[in-house]
């Protein structure tokens, strides 16, 4: 998780947060590019089993996200005990949150309210503002046959 915290600290210094700037920071922090360039900028990264992605949206919005932990489906293609998997990933998130809250970012974090969309998207989530950006850490499963993941995302809202 140290690699994610180090990247968040690097990204905090980018003003504005851009795909090009994020890609340069990933390279400087020795993340391995995943070969998924978009508009000439690498968007997929890996370091020590942690995945990182850079997404751009209209109006200059940028999101840099990380899959901190992935719990894949069982051999059956499903989770035999999905409640237990959720509990394990919620505990992994709880173990990871102090790393964020006690990092050099701590003095810049302001806890943010969860939205209805957050409650629909995440199993468990915690949000902060970091300057004009949103930092989110949570447990997510996008579909019943997909992995359950602990994710962290730093979003720079667009201008429109």
N, C-alpha and C. Protein backbone atom coordinates (compact mmCIF):
# COMPACT_ATOMS: atom_id res chain seq x y z
N UNK A 1 0.81 -1.19 0.00
CA UNK A 1 0.00 0.00 0.00
C UNK A 1 0.86 1.27 0.00
N UNK A 2 2.11 1.11 0.35
CA UNK A 2 3.02 2.26 0.38
C UNK A 2 3.15 2.89 -1.01
N UNK A 3 3.11 2.06 -2.06
CA UNK A 3 3.22 2.60 -3.41
C UNK A 3 2.03 3.49 -3.75
N UNK A 4 0.85 3.14 -3.28
CA UNK A 4 -0.35 3.94 -3.53
C UNK A 4 -0.26 5.27 -2.78
N UNK A 5 0.14 5.21 -1.52
CA UNK A 5 0.28 6.44 -0.73
C UNK A 5 1.32 7.36 -1.37
N UNK A 6 2.44 6.79 -1.81
CA UNK A 6 3.47 7.60 -2.46
C UNK A 6 2.93 8.26 -3.73
N UNK A 7 2.12 7.52 -4.51
CA UNK A 7 1.55 8.10 -5.72
C UNK A 7 0.54 9.20 -5.37
N UNK A 8 -0.28 8.98 -4.37
CA UNK A 8 -1.24 10.01 -3.97
C UNK A 8 -0.52 11.29 -3.54
N UNK A 9 0.59 11.12 -2.82
CA UNK A 9 1.38 12.28 -2.40
C UNK A 9 1.95 13.00 -3.62
N UNK A 10 2.41 12.24 -4.61
CA UNK A 10 2.94 12.84 -5.84
C UNK A 10 1.84 13.56 -6.61
N UNK A 11 0.68 12.92 -6.74
CA UNK A 11 -0.42 13.48 -7.52
C UNK A 11 -0.99 14.74 -6.87
N UNK A 12 -0.93 14.82 -5.56
CA UNK A 12 -1.43 15.99 -4.85
C UNK A 12 -0.71 17.25 -5.32
N UNK A 13 0.56 17.09 -5.68
CA UNK A 13 1.35 18.23 -6.11
C UNK A 13 1.11 18.69 -7.54
N UNK A 14 0.36 17.91 -8.31
CA UNK A 14 0.08 18.30 -9.69
C UNK A 14 -1.08 19.29 -9.73
N UNK A 15 -0.88 20.41 -10.39
CA UNK A 15 -1.96 21.38 -10.52
C UNK A 15 -1.94 21.92 -11.95
N UNK A 16 -2.91 21.59 -12.75
CA UNK A 16 -4.02 20.69 -12.48
C UNK A 16 -3.57 19.23 -12.66
N UNK A 17 -4.38 18.32 -12.19
CA UNK A 17 -4.15 16.89 -12.40
C UNK A 17 -4.53 16.57 -13.84
N UNK A 18 -3.57 16.10 -14.60
CA UNK A 18 -3.81 15.74 -16.00
C UNK A 18 -3.35 14.31 -16.22
N UNK A 19 -3.82 13.70 -17.30
CA UNK A 19 -3.39 12.34 -17.64
C UNK A 19 -1.90 12.31 -17.91
N UNK A 20 -1.39 13.32 -18.60
CA UNK A 20 0.04 13.38 -18.91
C UNK A 20 0.87 13.52 -17.64
N UNK A 21 0.43 14.38 -16.75
CA UNK A 21 1.14 14.57 -15.49
C UNK A 21 1.12 13.33 -14.63
N UNK A 22 -0.04 12.66 -14.57
CA UNK A 22 -0.15 11.42 -13.79
C UNK A 22 0.76 10.35 -14.37
N UNK A 23 0.78 10.21 -15.69
CA UNK A 23 1.64 9.21 -16.34
C UNK A 23 3.11 9.48 -16.02
N UNK A 24 3.51 10.74 -16.04
CA UNK A 24 4.89 11.08 -15.70
C UNK A 24 5.22 10.71 -14.26
N UNK A 25 4.28 10.90 -13.36
CA UNK A 25 4.49 10.55 -11.94
C UNK A 25 4.58 9.04 -11.77
N UNK A 26 3.72 8.29 -12.48
CA UNK A 26 3.81 6.82 -12.42
C UNK A 26 5.19 6.36 -12.86
N UNK A 27 5.68 6.91 -13.97
CA UNK A 27 7.02 6.54 -14.46
C UNK A 27 8.09 6.90 -13.44
N UNK A 28 8.00 8.09 -12.88
CA UNK A 28 9.01 8.55 -11.90
C UNK A 28 9.00 7.66 -10.65
N UNK A 29 7.85 7.11 -10.29
CA UNK A 29 7.74 6.23 -9.12
C UNK A 29 8.00 4.77 -9.48
N UNK A 30 8.46 4.53 -10.71
CA UNK A 30 8.85 3.21 -11.20
C UNK A 30 7.72 2.20 -11.25
N UNK A 31 6.52 2.66 -11.64
CA UNK A 31 5.43 1.75 -11.93
C UNK A 31 5.64 1.23 -13.35
N UNK A 32 5.17 0.03 -13.64
CA UNK A 32 5.32 -0.59 -14.95
C UNK A 32 4.11 -0.26 -15.82
N UNK A 33 4.35 0.31 -17.01
CA UNK A 33 3.22 0.61 -17.89
C UNK A 33 2.56 -0.68 -18.38
N UNK A 34 1.24 -0.63 -18.55
CA UNK A 34 0.49 -1.80 -18.96
C UNK A 34 0.20 -1.88 -20.44
N UNK A 35 0.68 -0.91 -21.21
CA UNK A 35 0.48 -0.96 -22.65
C UNK A 35 -0.93 -0.63 -23.09
N UNK A 36 -1.58 0.27 -22.37
CA UNK A 36 -2.94 0.68 -22.72
C UNK A 36 -3.00 2.20 -22.92
N UNK A 37 -2.25 2.72 -23.92
CA UNK A 37 -2.27 4.16 -24.12
C UNK A 37 -3.61 4.64 -24.68
N UNK A 38 -3.97 5.85 -24.29
CA UNK A 38 -5.16 6.52 -24.83
C UNK A 38 -4.74 7.94 -25.14
N UNK A 39 -4.99 8.35 -26.35
CA UNK A 39 -4.58 9.69 -26.81
C UNK A 39 -3.09 9.92 -26.56
N UNK A 40 -2.29 8.87 -26.76
CA UNK A 40 -0.84 8.98 -26.63
C UNK A 40 -0.31 8.94 -25.22
N UNK A 41 -1.18 8.67 -24.22
CA UNK A 41 -0.76 8.66 -22.83
C UNK A 41 -1.06 7.28 -22.24
N UNK A 42 -0.05 6.70 -21.59
CA UNK A 42 -0.24 5.40 -20.93
C UNK A 42 -1.30 5.54 -19.83
N UNK A 43 -2.25 4.61 -19.78
CA UNK A 43 -3.35 4.71 -18.82
C UNK A 43 -3.41 3.55 -17.83
N UNK A 44 -2.58 2.55 -17.99
CA UNK A 44 -2.62 1.37 -17.13
C UNK A 44 -1.23 1.12 -16.55
N UNK A 45 -1.18 0.89 -15.22
CA UNK A 45 0.11 0.78 -14.53
C UNK A 45 0.05 -0.34 -13.50
N UNK A 46 1.22 -0.85 -13.12
CA UNK A 46 1.30 -1.90 -12.10
C UNK A 46 2.57 -1.71 -11.28
N UNK A 47 2.43 -1.95 -9.99
CA UNK A 47 3.61 -1.95 -9.12
C UNK A 47 3.31 -2.87 -7.94
N UNK A 48 4.09 -3.93 -7.84
CA UNK A 48 3.95 -4.85 -6.71
C UNK A 48 2.57 -5.48 -6.60
N UNK A 49 1.93 -5.74 -7.73
CA UNK A 49 0.61 -6.36 -7.71
C UNK A 49 -0.54 -5.38 -7.53
N UNK A 50 -0.24 -4.10 -7.42
CA UNK A 50 -1.28 -3.08 -7.32
C UNK A 50 -1.46 -2.48 -8.71
N UNK A 51 -2.70 -2.43 -9.18
CA UNK A 51 -2.99 -1.83 -10.48
C UNK A 51 -3.34 -0.37 -10.32
N UNK A 52 -2.92 0.43 -11.28
CA UNK A 52 -3.27 1.85 -11.31
C UNK A 52 -3.78 2.21 -12.68
N UNK A 53 -4.78 3.13 -12.74
CA UNK A 53 -5.36 3.54 -14.00
C UNK A 53 -5.58 5.03 -14.02
N UNK A 54 -5.44 5.60 -15.20
CA UNK A 54 -5.72 7.01 -15.41
C UNK A 54 -6.87 7.09 -16.40
N UNK A 55 -7.94 7.77 -16.01
CA UNK A 55 -9.08 7.96 -16.90
C UNK A 55 -9.33 9.45 -17.07
N UNK A 56 -9.69 9.84 -18.29
CA UNK A 56 -10.05 11.22 -18.55
C UNK A 56 -11.50 11.28 -18.98
N UNK A 57 -12.14 12.39 -18.65
CA UNK A 57 -13.54 12.60 -18.96
C UNK A 57 -13.69 14.00 -19.54
N UNK A 58 -14.86 14.32 -20.00
CA UNK A 58 -15.12 15.64 -20.56
C UNK A 58 -14.88 16.75 -19.56
N UNK A 59 -14.58 17.93 -20.09
CA UNK A 59 -14.39 19.10 -19.25
C UNK A 59 -13.11 19.09 -18.45
N UNK A 60 -12.16 18.19 -18.79
CA UNK A 60 -10.90 18.15 -18.08
C UNK A 60 -10.90 17.30 -16.82
N UNK A 61 -11.99 16.57 -16.57
CA UNK A 61 -12.04 15.70 -15.39
C UNK A 61 -11.07 14.53 -15.57
N UNK A 62 -10.34 14.22 -14.50
CA UNK A 62 -9.36 13.14 -14.51
C UNK A 62 -9.55 12.32 -13.24
N UNK A 63 -9.45 11.00 -13.38
CA UNK A 63 -9.52 10.11 -12.23
C UNK A 63 -8.33 9.16 -12.28
N UNK A 64 -7.58 9.12 -11.20
CA UNK A 64 -6.49 8.15 -11.05
C UNK A 64 -6.95 7.17 -9.98
N UNK A 65 -7.06 5.90 -10.36
CA UNK A 65 -7.58 4.90 -9.42
C UNK A 65 -6.60 3.75 -9.26
N UNK A 66 -6.75 3.07 -8.13
CA UNK A 66 -5.87 1.96 -7.78
C UNK A 66 -6.71 0.79 -7.27
N UNK A 67 -6.37 -0.41 -7.70
CA UNK A 67 -6.94 -1.62 -7.13
C UNK A 67 -5.94 -2.11 -6.09
N UNK A 68 -6.19 -1.80 -4.83
CA UNK A 68 -5.26 -2.08 -3.75
C UNK A 68 -5.27 -3.57 -3.40
N UNK A 69 -6.45 -4.17 -3.51
CA UNK A 69 -6.60 -5.59 -3.17
C UNK A 69 -7.74 -6.14 -4.01
N UNK A 70 -7.56 -7.34 -4.55
CA UNK A 70 -8.58 -7.98 -5.37
C UNK A 70 -8.85 -9.37 -4.84
N UNK A 71 -10.09 -9.64 -4.54
CA UNK A 71 -10.53 -10.98 -4.11
C UNK A 71 -11.37 -11.53 -5.24
N UNK A 72 -10.82 -12.48 -5.99
CA UNK A 72 -11.50 -13.01 -7.16
C UNK A 72 -12.52 -14.06 -6.78
N UNK A 73 -13.37 -14.41 -7.73
CA UNK A 73 -14.40 -15.42 -7.50
C UNK A 73 -13.76 -16.78 -7.25
N UNK A 74 -14.53 -17.68 -6.65
CA UNK A 74 -14.05 -19.04 -6.38
C UNK A 74 -13.99 -19.84 -7.69
N UNK A 75 -13.50 -21.08 -7.61
CA UNK A 75 -13.39 -21.93 -8.79
C UNK A 75 -14.73 -22.12 -9.49
N UNK A 76 -15.81 -22.03 -8.75
CA UNK A 76 -17.14 -22.20 -9.32
C UNK A 76 -17.53 -21.04 -10.23
N UNK A 77 -16.76 -19.97 -10.19
CA UNK A 77 -17.11 -18.78 -10.95
C UNK A 77 -17.93 -17.80 -10.15
N UNK A 78 -18.21 -18.16 -8.92
CA UNK A 78 -18.99 -17.31 -8.01
C UNK A 78 -18.30 -17.31 -6.65
N UNK A 79 -18.84 -16.57 -5.71
CA UNK A 79 -18.38 -16.63 -4.33
C UNK A 79 -19.30 -17.59 -3.59
N UNK A 80 -18.71 -18.60 -2.95
CA UNK A 80 -19.53 -19.53 -2.18
C UNK A 80 -20.15 -18.83 -0.98
N UNK A 81 -19.45 -17.89 -0.39
CA UNK A 81 -19.97 -17.15 0.75
C UNK A 81 -19.66 -15.66 0.54
N UNK A 82 -20.52 -15.01 -0.23
CA UNK A 82 -20.26 -13.62 -0.59
C UNK A 82 -20.23 -12.71 0.64
N UNK A 83 -21.03 -13.00 1.64
CA UNK A 83 -21.03 -12.18 2.85
C UNK A 83 -19.66 -12.23 3.53
N UNK A 84 -19.05 -13.42 3.59
CA UNK A 84 -17.72 -13.55 4.18
C UNK A 84 -16.67 -12.80 3.36
N UNK A 85 -16.80 -12.83 2.04
CA UNK A 85 -15.87 -12.10 1.17
C UNK A 85 -16.00 -10.60 1.42
N UNK A 86 -17.23 -10.11 1.51
CA UNK A 86 -17.45 -8.69 1.79
C UNK A 86 -16.82 -8.31 3.12
N UNK A 87 -17.02 -9.15 4.13
CA UNK A 87 -16.45 -8.87 5.46
C UNK A 87 -14.93 -8.83 5.41
N UNK A 88 -14.31 -9.76 4.67
CA UNK A 88 -12.85 -9.78 4.54
C UNK A 88 -12.34 -8.51 3.86
N UNK A 89 -13.01 -8.08 2.81
CA UNK A 89 -12.56 -6.89 2.09
C UNK A 89 -12.85 -5.62 2.89
N UNK A 90 -13.95 -5.60 3.64
CA UNK A 90 -14.21 -4.46 4.51
C UNK A 90 -13.12 -4.35 5.59
N UNK A 91 -12.65 -5.49 6.09
CA UNK A 91 -11.57 -5.47 7.06
C UNK A 91 -10.26 -5.00 6.42
N UNK A 92 -10.01 -5.44 5.18
CA UNK A 92 -8.81 -4.99 4.46
C UNK A 92 -8.86 -3.47 4.27
N UNK A 93 -10.04 -2.94 3.95
CA UNK A 93 -10.19 -1.48 3.83
C UNK A 93 -9.93 -0.81 5.17
N UNK A 94 -10.52 -1.35 6.23
CA UNK A 94 -10.32 -0.77 7.57
C UNK A 94 -8.84 -0.77 7.96
N UNK A 95 -8.11 -1.81 7.56
CA UNK A 95 -6.68 -1.88 7.84
C UNK A 95 -5.89 -0.86 7.01
N UNK A 96 -6.39 -0.53 5.81
CA UNK A 96 -5.69 0.37 4.91
C UNK A 96 -5.97 1.85 5.22
N UNK A 97 -7.16 2.17 5.71
CA UNK A 97 -7.53 3.57 5.95
C UNK A 97 -6.53 4.33 6.83
N UNK A 98 -5.99 3.73 7.90
CA UNK A 98 -5.01 4.48 8.70
C UNK A 98 -3.76 4.88 7.90
N UNK A 99 -3.41 4.07 6.90
CA UNK A 99 -2.25 4.44 6.07
C UNK A 99 -2.50 5.75 5.34
N UNK A 100 -3.73 5.97 4.92
CA UNK A 100 -4.09 7.23 4.28
C UNK A 100 -4.17 8.34 5.33
N UNK A 101 -4.91 8.07 6.39
CA UNK A 101 -5.21 9.09 7.40
C UNK A 101 -4.01 9.49 8.24
N UNK A 102 -2.95 8.67 8.25
CA UNK A 102 -1.75 8.99 9.01
C UNK A 102 -0.56 9.34 8.11
N UNK A 103 -0.83 9.46 6.81
CA UNK A 103 0.23 9.80 5.86
C UNK A 103 0.45 11.31 5.85
N UNK A 104 1.35 11.74 4.99
CA UNK A 104 1.60 13.18 4.86
C UNK A 104 0.39 13.90 4.26
N UNK A 105 -0.58 13.16 3.76
CA UNK A 105 -1.82 13.76 3.24
C UNK A 105 -2.75 14.19 4.37
N UNK A 106 -2.56 13.65 5.56
CA UNK A 106 -3.51 13.82 6.67
C UNK A 106 -3.89 15.28 6.92
N UNK A 107 -2.94 16.18 6.90
CA UNK A 107 -3.22 17.58 7.19
C UNK A 107 -4.03 18.27 6.09
N UNK A 108 -4.18 17.59 4.95
CA UNK A 108 -4.88 18.17 3.81
C UNK A 108 -6.24 17.52 3.55
N UNK A 109 -6.56 16.47 4.30
CA UNK A 109 -7.81 15.73 4.09
C UNK A 109 -8.94 16.33 4.91
N UNK A 110 -10.10 16.47 4.28
CA UNK A 110 -11.32 16.88 4.96
C UNK A 110 -12.37 15.83 4.62
N UNK A 111 -12.91 15.19 5.65
CA UNK A 111 -13.89 14.14 5.41
C UNK A 111 -15.08 14.70 4.63
N UNK A 112 -15.54 13.92 3.64
CA UNK A 112 -16.63 14.35 2.76
C UNK A 112 -17.84 13.45 2.96
N UNK A 113 -18.99 14.01 2.67
CA UNK A 113 -20.25 13.26 2.76
C UNK A 113 -20.33 12.25 1.63
N UNK A 114 -20.93 11.10 1.93
CA UNK A 114 -21.20 10.11 0.91
C UNK A 114 -22.47 10.50 0.18
N UNK A 115 -22.47 10.26 -1.12
CA UNK A 115 -23.65 10.55 -1.92
C UNK A 115 -24.48 9.27 -2.08
N UNK A 116 -25.68 9.42 -2.60
CA UNK A 116 -26.52 8.25 -2.88
C UNK A 116 -25.83 7.34 -3.89
N UNK A 117 -25.13 7.94 -4.86
CA UNK A 117 -24.40 7.15 -5.85
C UNK A 117 -23.28 6.34 -5.19
N UNK A 118 -22.60 6.93 -4.20
CA UNK A 118 -21.57 6.19 -3.48
C UNK A 118 -22.16 4.97 -2.79
N UNK A 119 -23.31 5.16 -2.15
CA UNK A 119 -23.95 4.06 -1.42
C UNK A 119 -24.41 2.96 -2.36
N UNK A 120 -24.78 3.32 -3.60
CA UNK A 120 -25.16 2.32 -4.59
C UNK A 120 -23.96 1.59 -5.16
N UNK A 121 -22.86 2.32 -5.35
CA UNK A 121 -21.68 1.76 -6.01
C UNK A 121 -20.78 0.95 -5.08
N UNK A 122 -20.67 1.37 -3.82
CA UNK A 122 -19.70 0.75 -2.91
C UNK A 122 -20.39 -0.09 -1.85
N UNK A 123 -19.70 -1.14 -1.42
CA UNK A 123 -20.13 -1.95 -0.29
C UNK A 123 -19.83 -1.18 0.99
N UNK A 124 -18.65 -0.58 1.05
CA UNK A 124 -18.21 0.29 2.14
C UNK A 124 -17.33 1.35 1.51
N UNK A 125 -17.44 2.60 1.97
CA UNK A 125 -16.67 3.68 1.35
C UNK A 125 -16.37 4.77 2.37
N UNK A 126 -15.25 5.45 2.14
CA UNK A 126 -14.89 6.64 2.90
C UNK A 126 -14.36 7.66 1.90
N UNK A 127 -14.78 8.91 2.07
CA UNK A 127 -14.40 9.96 1.13
C UNK A 127 -13.84 11.16 1.87
N UNK A 128 -12.93 11.84 1.18
CA UNK A 128 -12.36 13.08 1.67
C UNK A 128 -12.27 14.05 0.50
N UNK A 129 -12.14 15.33 0.83
CA UNK A 129 -11.69 16.29 -0.17
C UNK A 129 -10.21 16.51 0.10
N UNK A 130 -9.48 16.73 -0.96
CA UNK A 130 -8.04 16.96 -0.91
C UNK A 130 -7.78 18.13 -1.84
N UNK A 131 -7.79 19.32 -1.26
CA UNK A 131 -7.79 20.51 -2.12
C UNK A 131 -9.13 20.55 -2.82
N UNK A 132 -9.14 20.70 -4.13
CA UNK A 132 -10.38 20.69 -4.89
C UNK A 132 -10.72 19.33 -5.46
N UNK A 133 -10.05 18.31 -4.99
CA UNK A 133 -10.23 16.95 -5.52
C UNK A 133 -10.98 16.08 -4.52
N UNK A 134 -11.46 14.95 -5.01
CA UNK A 134 -12.14 13.97 -4.16
C UNK A 134 -11.26 12.73 -4.07
N UNK A 135 -10.98 12.29 -2.84
CA UNK A 135 -10.24 11.06 -2.59
C UNK A 135 -11.23 10.06 -2.00
N UNK A 136 -11.35 8.91 -2.63
CA UNK A 136 -12.30 7.89 -2.21
C UNK A 136 -11.55 6.58 -1.99
N UNK A 137 -11.88 5.91 -0.90
CA UNK A 137 -11.36 4.56 -0.63
C UNK A 137 -12.56 3.69 -0.30
N UNK A 138 -12.66 2.54 -0.96
CA UNK A 138 -13.84 1.72 -0.72
C UNK A 138 -13.70 0.30 -1.20
N UNK A 139 -14.75 -0.46 -0.88
CA UNK A 139 -14.88 -1.84 -1.33
C UNK A 139 -15.96 -1.85 -2.39
N UNK A 140 -15.66 -2.47 -3.52
CA UNK A 140 -16.58 -2.43 -4.65
C UNK A 140 -16.66 -3.80 -5.31
N UNK A 141 -17.84 -4.11 -5.84
CA UNK A 141 -18.04 -5.27 -6.71
C UNK A 141 -18.99 -4.80 -7.78
N UNK A 142 -18.53 -4.77 -9.02
CA UNK A 142 -19.34 -4.18 -10.08
C UNK A 142 -20.39 -5.12 -10.63
N UNK A 143 -20.25 -6.41 -10.41
CA UNK A 143 -21.24 -7.39 -10.84
C UNK A 143 -21.06 -8.64 -9.99
N UNK A 144 -22.07 -9.49 -9.92
CA UNK A 144 -22.02 -10.65 -9.03
C UNK A 144 -20.94 -11.65 -9.39
N UNK A 145 -20.50 -11.69 -10.64
CA UNK A 145 -19.48 -12.66 -11.01
C UNK A 145 -18.12 -12.01 -11.23
N UNK A 146 -17.95 -10.79 -10.72
CA UNK A 146 -16.67 -10.10 -10.81
C UNK A 146 -16.01 -10.04 -9.44
N UNK A 147 -14.72 -9.80 -9.41
CA UNK A 147 -14.02 -9.72 -8.12
C UNK A 147 -14.55 -8.62 -7.22
N UNK A 148 -14.28 -8.79 -5.94
CA UNK A 148 -14.53 -7.75 -4.95
C UNK A 148 -13.19 -7.08 -4.73
N UNK A 149 -13.16 -5.74 -4.79
CA UNK A 149 -11.89 -5.03 -4.75
C UNK A 149 -11.91 -3.92 -3.70
N UNK A 150 -10.74 -3.69 -3.12
CA UNK A 150 -10.51 -2.49 -2.33
C UNK A 150 -9.85 -1.52 -3.30
N UNK A 151 -10.50 -0.37 -3.49
CA UNK A 151 -10.03 0.60 -4.47
C UNK A 151 -9.81 1.96 -3.81
N UNK A 152 -8.93 2.73 -4.42
CA UNK A 152 -8.69 4.11 -4.01
C UNK A 152 -8.70 4.93 -5.30
N UNK A 153 -9.36 6.08 -5.26
CA UNK A 153 -9.42 6.94 -6.44
C UNK A 153 -9.25 8.40 -6.05
N UNK A 154 -8.50 9.10 -6.84
CA UNK A 154 -8.34 10.54 -6.70
C UNK A 154 -8.92 11.17 -7.96
N UNK A 155 -9.94 12.01 -7.76
CA UNK A 155 -10.65 12.60 -8.89
C UNK A 155 -10.49 14.12 -8.90
N UNK A 156 -10.16 14.61 -10.07
CA UNK A 156 -10.13 16.06 -10.33
C UNK A 156 -11.38 16.35 -11.13
N UNK A 157 -12.34 17.06 -10.55
CA UNK A 157 -13.56 17.37 -11.28
C UNK A 157 -13.27 18.24 -12.49
N UNK A 158 -14.09 18.10 -13.52
CA UNK A 158 -13.95 18.91 -14.71
C UNK A 158 -14.52 20.31 -14.49
N UNK A 159 -14.34 21.14 -15.50
CA UNK A 159 -14.81 22.52 -15.42
C UNK A 159 -16.24 22.67 -15.91
N UNK A 160 -16.78 21.63 -16.53
CA UNK A 160 -18.15 21.76 -17.04
C UNK A 160 -19.12 20.89 -16.30
